[in-house]
Protein backbone atom coordinates (compact mmCIF):
# COMPACT_ATOMS: atom_id res chain seq x y z
CA MET A 1 91.83 130.46 128.40
CA SER A 2 94.90 132.83 129.63
CA TYR A 3 92.34 133.46 132.18
CA VAL A 4 91.49 129.78 133.04
CA LEU A 5 94.76 128.84 133.20
CA SER A 6 96.03 132.00 135.52
CA LEU A 7 93.03 131.08 138.18
CA ALA A 8 93.91 127.75 137.99
CA GLY A 9 97.72 129.03 138.99
CA MET A 10 98.46 126.71 135.09
CA SER A 11 101.02 127.64 132.64
CA ARG A 12 99.89 126.68 128.58
CA GLN A 13 103.57 125.32 129.10
CA GLY A 14 102.62 123.56 131.87
CA LEU A 15 99.26 121.82 130.63
CA HIS A 16 100.47 121.03 126.94
CA LYS A 17 103.27 118.67 129.49
CA GLN A 18 99.95 117.05 130.97
CA LEU A 19 98.47 116.49 128.05
CA ARG A 20 100.71 115.26 126.47
CA PRO A 21 101.49 111.70 127.66
CA SER A 22 97.64 111.68 126.40
CA LEU A 23 97.80 113.26 123.48
CA ASP A 24 101.39 111.24 122.41
CA ALA A 25 98.70 107.37 122.99
CA GLN A 26 96.60 108.78 120.78
CA GLU A 27 98.97 109.68 117.91
CA GLN A 28 101.03 106.54 118.24
CA GLU A 29 97.29 104.80 118.26
CA GLN A 30 96.48 106.46 115.08
CA VAL A 31 99.74 105.11 113.42
CA CYS A 32 99.95 102.46 114.18
CA LYS A 33 96.33 101.70 114.13
CA LEU A 34 96.84 102.72 110.10
CA MET A 35 99.81 101.47 108.97
CA THR A 36 98.71 97.88 110.71
CA ASP A 37 95.34 98.36 107.79
CA ILE A 38 97.77 98.98 105.24
CA ARG A 39 100.28 96.39 105.70
CA LYS A 40 97.61 93.83 105.60
CA LYS A 41 97.58 93.94 101.85
CA HIS A 42 101.35 96.12 100.85
CA LYS A 43 103.58 94.63 103.74
CA HIS A 44 106.68 96.63 102.72
CA MET A 45 104.53 99.69 101.90
CA SER A 46 107.20 102.80 104.05
CA ALA A 47 105.65 104.96 105.94
CA ARG A 48 106.42 107.69 103.78
CA LYS A 49 103.72 107.38 100.72
CA VAL A 50 101.05 105.61 103.85
CA TYR A 51 101.23 109.55 104.99
CA LYS A 52 100.99 111.05 101.64
CA THR A 53 98.37 108.75 101.04
CA TYR A 54 96.06 109.57 104.16
CA HIS A 55 97.26 112.94 105.94
CA GLY A 56 94.81 114.12 105.16
CA THR A 57 92.79 111.63 107.42
CA LEU A 58 95.30 112.40 110.01
CA THR A 59 95.68 114.97 112.91
CA ILE A 60 99.86 114.29 113.69
CA GLY A 61 102.68 116.05 111.11
CA ARG A 62 104.44 113.53 108.36
CA ASP A 63 108.06 113.67 110.38
CA ARG A 64 106.49 112.79 113.29
CA PHE A 65 104.20 110.17 111.70
CA ILE A 66 106.98 108.74 110.14
CA LYS A 67 108.80 108.88 113.56
CA LYS A 68 106.63 107.36 115.56
CA ALA A 69 106.00 104.16 112.68
CA LEU A 70 109.53 103.58 112.96
CA SER A 71 109.67 103.16 116.03
CA LEU A 72 106.50 101.49 115.84
CA GLY A 73 108.63 98.62 113.79
CA PHE A 74 107.22 99.58 110.74
CA GLY A 75 110.60 100.07 108.75
CA VAL A 76 110.97 98.18 105.67
CA LYS A 77 114.46 96.96 105.03
CA ARG A 78 115.71 95.89 101.00
CA LYS A 79 116.60 92.92 99.94
CA ARG A 80 119.64 92.42 96.95
CA SER A 81 118.52 90.02 94.22
CA PRO A 82 121.67 88.07 94.43
CA ILE A 83 120.40 86.22 90.42
CA LYS A 84 119.95 88.33 87.12
CA THR A 85 117.98 86.63 84.43
CA THR A 86 119.53 88.93 82.24
CA THR A 87 121.16 87.58 80.27
CA ASP A 88 124.45 89.87 78.24
CA GLN A 89 124.03 88.66 74.07
CA THR A 90 126.00 89.85 71.96
CA ASN A 91 124.45 90.46 69.09
CA LYS A 92 120.41 92.44 68.91
CA PRO A 93 118.00 92.81 66.48
CA PHE A 94 117.36 95.84 67.50
CA PRO A 95 119.55 99.69 68.78
CA ASN A 96 118.57 101.64 72.24
CA LEU A 97 116.23 104.44 71.10
CA ILE A 98 115.39 105.80 74.39
CA ASN A 99 118.05 106.43 76.15
CA GLY A 100 117.75 109.71 76.89
CA LYS A 101 114.93 110.21 74.94
CA THR A 102 111.89 112.85 76.18
CA ILE A 103 108.62 111.55 75.81
CA ASN A 104 104.71 113.35 76.79
CA GLY A 105 102.45 111.06 77.18
CA ILE A 106 101.24 106.79 77.57
CA ASP A 107 101.57 104.58 75.12
CA GLN A 108 104.85 105.69 73.61
CA VAL A 109 107.75 103.64 75.64
CA TYR A 110 106.85 99.99 77.13
CA GLN A 111 109.85 97.64 78.67
CA SER A 112 109.28 94.62 79.19
CA ASP A 113 112.02 91.95 80.83
CA ILE A 114 111.76 89.11 83.42
CA PHE A 115 113.30 87.71 87.13
CA TYR A 116 112.97 85.44 89.38
CA ILE A 117 110.90 84.63 92.45
CA HIS A 118 111.83 82.41 95.27
CA THR A 119 109.53 79.96 96.26
CA PRO A 120 109.21 76.67 99.11
CA ASN A 121 109.31 74.70 95.61
CA GLY A 122 111.04 75.76 93.52
CA ILE A 123 111.85 79.01 91.20
CA LEU A 124 109.05 80.53 88.93
CA TYR A 125 109.43 83.21 86.47
CA GLY A 126 107.73 86.31 85.82
CA PHE A 127 107.04 88.77 82.72
CA THR A 128 106.15 92.01 83.07
CA VAL A 129 105.29 95.10 80.62
CA GLU A 130 105.25 98.52 82.06
CA ASP A 131 104.66 101.96 80.20
CA ILE A 132 107.31 104.27 81.03
CA TYR A 133 105.16 107.32 81.57
CA SER A 134 102.75 106.30 83.78
CA ARG A 135 104.81 103.06 85.94
CA GLU A 136 101.56 101.29 84.98
CA LEU A 137 102.28 98.10 85.04
CA LEU A 138 100.44 96.48 81.74
CA GLY A 139 101.71 92.99 82.19
CA LEU A 140 102.62 90.08 84.78
CA VAL A 141 102.47 86.70 83.50
CA ILE A 142 103.71 84.00 85.95
CA SER A 143 104.87 80.66 84.96
CA THR A 144 107.35 77.81 85.79
CA ASN A 145 109.17 78.19 82.17
CA MET A 146 110.96 81.13 80.45
CA LYS A 147 109.75 80.60 77.43
CA ALA A 148 108.96 83.05 74.99
CA TYR A 149 105.37 81.77 74.62
CA ASN A 150 104.73 83.33 77.51
CA LEU A 151 106.18 86.61 77.19
CA ILE A 152 103.48 86.22 73.59
CA LEU A 153 100.64 85.42 76.32
CA THR A 154 102.08 88.91 78.76
CA LEU A 155 102.24 91.33 75.57
CA LYS A 156 98.90 90.59 74.41
CA GLN A 157 97.73 90.96 77.95
CA ALA A 158 98.78 95.00 77.76
CA GLN A 159 97.58 95.02 74.62
CA GLN A 160 93.54 94.34 75.81
CA TYR A 161 94.33 96.29 79.27
CA ARG A 162 95.08 99.30 76.18
CA GLY A 163 92.00 98.24 74.47
CA LYS A 164 93.80 98.73 71.48
CA LYS A 165 94.02 96.53 68.31
CA SER A 166 97.36 97.80 67.75
CA LEU A 167 100.08 100.14 69.32
CA VAL A 168 101.61 101.00 66.21
CA ASN A 169 104.57 103.43 66.67
CA THR A 170 105.15 101.86 70.90
CA ILE A 171 108.32 101.88 71.39
CA LEU A 172 109.78 97.48 73.00
CA HIS A 173 112.12 98.52 75.15
CA SER A 174 114.41 95.35 75.88
CA ASP A 175 116.99 93.40 76.95
CA LYS A 176 118.82 90.70 74.78
CA GLY A 177 116.80 87.37 75.49
CA GLY A 178 116.72 85.15 73.92
CA GLN A 179 112.86 85.77 74.02
CA TYR A 180 112.73 88.87 72.38
CA LYS A 181 114.00 87.10 69.18
CA ALA A 182 111.44 84.61 69.10
CA ASP A 183 109.89 84.29 65.72
CA LYS A 184 106.32 84.40 67.20
CA PHE A 185 107.37 86.72 69.33
CA ILE A 186 108.00 89.24 66.57
CA GLU A 187 105.77 87.90 64.72
CA LEU A 188 103.32 89.24 67.10
CA ALA A 189 104.55 92.72 68.63
CA TYR A 190 105.82 93.90 64.85
CA GLU A 191 103.76 92.90 62.10
CA THR A 192 101.02 92.32 63.92
CA LEU A 193 101.44 95.63 67.02
CA LYS A 194 102.55 97.22 64.71
CA MET A 195 105.07 98.55 67.61
CA LYS A 196 108.59 99.28 67.08
CA GLY A 197 111.34 97.46 68.62
CA SER A 198 114.42 99.06 71.02
CA MET A 199 117.05 97.50 73.04
CA CYS A 200 119.74 97.75 76.00
CA ASP A 201 123.43 97.19 75.88
CA LYS A 202 122.83 97.21 79.32
CA ALA A 203 120.60 96.38 82.07
CA GLN A 204 120.88 99.74 83.43
CA GLN A 205 119.63 101.09 80.30
CA ASN A 206 116.60 98.49 80.85
CA ALA A 207 116.08 100.08 84.33
CA TYR A 208 112.31 101.17 84.67
CA VAL A 209 111.15 97.69 84.61
CA GLU A 210 114.44 96.29 86.11
CA ARG A 211 112.57 98.86 89.53
CA LEU A 212 109.62 97.87 88.81
CA GLN A 213 110.31 94.28 89.27
CA GLY A 214 112.10 94.96 92.58
CA ILE A 215 108.53 95.71 93.48
CA LEU A 216 107.29 93.23 93.08
CA LYS A 217 109.27 90.97 94.30
CA HIS A 218 110.07 92.41 97.70
CA GLU A 219 106.98 94.60 97.89
CA TYR A 220 104.36 92.07 97.46
CA LEU A 221 105.51 88.42 95.83
CA ASP A 222 107.88 87.26 98.51
CA ASP A 223 105.11 87.74 101.39
CA MET A 224 103.00 84.97 99.50
CA LYS A 225 102.17 82.07 99.09
CA ILE A 226 102.12 81.17 95.48
CA THR A 227 102.01 77.68 93.70
CA ARG A 228 101.51 76.47 90.46
CA ALA A 229 98.30 76.37 90.63
CA ASN A 230 97.74 79.78 91.78
CA CYS A 231 100.49 81.56 89.59
CA ALA A 232 97.03 83.23 87.36
CA SER A 233 95.04 84.91 90.38
CA VAL A 234 97.81 85.98 92.43
CA ALA A 235 99.52 87.48 89.35
CA LYS A 236 95.87 89.24 88.68
CA LYS A 237 95.92 90.87 92.52
CA VAL A 238 99.71 91.77 92.49
CA LYS A 239 98.35 93.78 89.61
CA GLU A 240 95.86 95.03 90.81
CA LEU A 241 97.69 96.72 93.90
CA TYR A 242 100.44 98.05 92.29
CA ASN A 243 98.40 99.61 89.44
CA LYS A 244 95.36 101.96 91.65
CA GLU A 245 96.41 101.46 95.48
CA ARG A 246 100.17 101.13 96.41
CA PRO A 247 101.55 105.68 95.20
CA HIS A 248 104.38 106.63 93.46
CA LEU A 249 107.47 108.79 93.74
CA SER A 250 107.92 110.12 90.68
CA LEU A 251 104.39 110.04 89.99
CA ASN A 252 104.11 112.72 92.94
CA TYR A 253 102.69 109.93 94.67
CA LEU A 254 99.47 109.07 92.66
CA THR A 255 98.75 106.35 91.59
CA PRO A 256 99.89 104.61 87.84
CA HIS A 257 96.36 103.37 87.22
CA ALA A 258 95.16 107.41 88.73
CA TYR A 259 98.42 109.20 86.65
CA SER A 260 97.21 108.06 83.61
CA LEU A 261 93.29 108.72 84.18
CA ASN A 262 94.84 112.10 85.00
CA VAL A 263 97.40 112.09 81.74
CA GLN A 264 94.43 111.07 78.94
CA ASN A 265 91.92 113.89 80.57
CA THR A 266 95.33 116.38 79.84
CA PRO A 267 95.85 118.41 76.16
CA LYS A 268 97.80 117.03 74.55
CA VAL A 269 99.34 120.55 75.00
CA GLU A 270 99.80 121.00 78.04
CA ALA A 271 101.38 116.85 78.88
CA LYS A 272 104.32 116.69 81.01
CA ASP A 273 107.57 115.93 79.00
CA MET A 274 109.62 112.78 80.07
CA THR A 275 113.50 112.37 80.11
CA VAL A 276 113.92 109.00 79.61
CA TYR A 277 117.15 107.67 81.68
CA LYS A 278 120.10 108.23 80.05
CA TRP A 279 122.37 105.58 81.68
CA THR A 280 125.95 107.33 81.49
CA GLU A 281 128.95 104.47 82.21
CA GLY A 282 130.84 104.77 86.03
CA TYR A 283 127.49 107.99 86.59
CA PRO A 284 124.95 106.40 89.04
CA GLN A 285 120.84 107.45 88.63
CA LYS A 286 120.22 109.11 91.00
CA GLU A 287 116.66 110.51 90.20
CA PRO A 288 113.41 108.34 91.18
CA LEU A 289 112.08 105.18 88.38
């Protein structure tokens, strides 16, 4: 190569300088095509997550990929939620069993919560159940009301997702909303499924599912046309996208579904310990949820 360049009266640096515009154009086209394809279904997936998922097929480094994606307008703007559905009732039937608890597998701790969804035709409500170890969205129901019946459907959906008749000793952690104290819900969760009840004093002690709901709203639901007629189909689609296609930072960029499969195929003695986020007054959360 050096000999050929010397015949042409050109240095390596000069060659690269001439080729750079062409390479830049190819890289830009590669980044633009991939980000455009991903954003068709995951409208708010970050450039970093896209790179970590598809870097094996790319000819460009991480930092350069992210820089080009941002320059092409693929940055992500986060929205702040002005409304909270969490109520701060003084009475609670269950103590907080998970604050700082160490777990090492799926089906040990679930978190559940309710969130609002703005639509042109009014507000809808989302009911969720999440396995905090694998970050899997086990149940998602979207409804026009906040009745406890929807929460019952969500928990039944989680049970079906796991394919179990009972969830003995699985901790179900929630806020102090009235739906979690409804007789029919208590009957299903703690008498039929044999779960353990746990409740938080602050929304920060329900951090995993709060984070999940932010992702569902801002990365998917806010950009979808949701009506009363298509609530069920939208919930099913979002659940599939989140569980099986969206990589998760805290899972080393695996999807929740892939991570769960890995966990199930890992001997118990080799399972990775996880310490549940412990919220302390005055100390903000720093670790990725």
